[in-house]
Amino acid sequence: MVNSLGISSGITSCLVFALFISTNPYGYYSDAGEMILWFIIPAVLYWVSYIWILSERSYIDEDPIKFAIRDRTSLKILLTVFVLFILAGSL
């Protein structure tokens, strides 16, 4: 049951982020910046799926945040998301 709730929470967070991008409530991002923000959603969906698959296979025996800080794939996704945020804000 925890796996189902965790996966659905991760997907729902991406949905909420997509709604934020589509409304752009503060007008902070330009049209080009909004388009770049859309590329963050697949990266986060991949990361959520990746973490839950590893968890299901019992590869994560500790706090997921501690695991993510040491995991190369998680760090690459974090760097990608960070670069996309910076790029979207600068356009």
Protein backbone atom coordinates (compact mmCIF):
# COMPACT_ATOMS: atom_id res chain seq x y z
CA MET A 1 0.00 0.00 0.00
CA VAL A 2 2.88 2.37 0.80
CA ASN A 3 4.36 1.80 -2.66
CA SER A 4 1.09 2.69 -4.37
CA LEU A 5 0.66 5.83 -2.30
CA GLY A 6 4.28 6.87 -2.86
CA ILE A 7 4.15 6.40 -6.60
CA SER A 8 0.83 8.23 -6.91
CA SER A 9 2.17 11.09 -4.75
CA GLY A 10 5.20 11.46 -7.02
CA ILE A 11 3.06 11.51 -10.14
CA THR A 12 0.62 13.95 -8.54
CA SER A 13 3.47 16.30 -7.67
CA CYS A 14 4.42 16.35 -11.36
CA LEU A 15 0.79 17.12 -12.22
CA VAL A 16 0.77 20.04 -9.78
CA PHE A 17 4.02 21.33 -11.28
CA ALA A 18 2.50 21.03 -14.77
CA LEU A 19 -0.50 23.08 -13.63
CA PHE A 20 1.87 25.70 -12.21
CA ILE A 21 3.76 25.90 -15.50
CA SER A 22 0.58 26.21 -17.54
CA THR A 23 -0.81 29.06 -15.43
CA ASN A 24 2.46 30.95 -14.73
CA PRO A 25 0.72 32.86 -11.91
CA TYR A 26 3.46 35.38 -11.20
CA GLY A 27 4.50 36.02 -14.80
CA TYR A 28 8.10 35.27 -13.86
CA TYR A 29 8.86 33.00 -16.79
CA SER A 30 8.80 34.07 -20.42
CA ASP A 31 7.20 31.87 -23.07
CA ALA A 32 10.59 30.32 -23.84
CA GLY A 33 11.20 29.78 -20.13
CA GLU A 34 7.86 28.03 -19.76
CA MET A 35 8.75 25.69 -22.62
CA ILE A 36 12.01 24.78 -20.89
CA LEU A 37 10.21 24.07 -17.62
CA TRP A 38 8.17 21.38 -19.35
CA PHE A 39 11.36 19.33 -19.74
CA ILE A 40 11.67 19.06 -15.96
CA ILE A 41 8.54 16.93 -15.66
CA PRO A 42 9.90 13.88 -17.55
CA ALA A 43 13.11 14.07 -15.54
CA VAL A 44 11.23 14.09 -12.24
CA LEU A 45 8.89 11.32 -13.39
CA TYR A 46 11.93 9.23 -14.34
CA TRP A 47 13.54 9.88 -10.96
CA VAL A 48 10.38 8.99 -9.00
CA SER A 49 10.02 5.76 -10.99
CA TYR A 50 13.72 4.98 -10.60
CA ILE A 51 13.65 5.41 -6.81
CA TRP A 52 10.50 3.34 -6.38
CA ILE A 53 11.82 0.53 -8.59
CA LEU A 54 15.04 0.42 -6.56
CA SER A 55 13.01 0.46 -3.38
CA GLU A 56 10.82 -2.40 -4.58
CA ARG A 57 13.95 -4.44 -5.40
CA SER A 58 15.31 -3.72 -1.89
CA TYR A 59 18.34 -1.76 -3.14
CA ILE A 60 17.54 1.14 -0.82
CA ASP A 61 18.07 0.21 2.82
CA GLU A 62 18.24 3.75 4.19
CA ASP A 63 16.55 7.11 3.98
CA PRO A 64 15.78 7.83 0.28
CA ILE A 65 17.25 11.33 0.59
CA LYS A 66 20.56 9.97 1.87
CA PHE A 67 20.50 7.44 -0.95
CA ALA A 68 19.76 10.12 -3.56
CA ILE A 69 22.68 12.26 -2.37
CA ARG A 70 25.09 9.38 -3.01
CA ASP A 71 23.49 7.95 -6.16
CA ARG A 72 24.98 9.05 -9.47
CA THR A 73 21.75 8.81 -11.44
CA SER A 74 19.89 10.92 -8.88
CA LEU A 75 22.66 13.52 -8.89
CA LYS A 76 22.59 13.71 -12.70
CA ILE A 77 18.84 14.28 -12.65
CA LEU A 78 19.21 16.90 -9.92
CA LEU A 79 21.85 18.71 -11.97
CA THR A 80 19.64 18.54 -15.06
CA VAL A 81 16.66 19.98 -13.20
CA PHE A 82 18.81 22.72 -11.66
CA VAL A 83 20.26 23.73 -15.04
CA LEU A 84 16.78 23.79 -16.60
CA PHE A 85 15.46 26.02 -13.78
CA ILE A 86 18.37 28.44 -14.17
CA LEU A 87 18.00 28.46 -17.95
CA ALA A 88 14.23 29.01 -17.76
CA GLY A 89 14.66 31.92 -15.36
CA SER A 90 17.30 33.62 -17.46
CA LEU A 91 15.27 33.70 -20.69
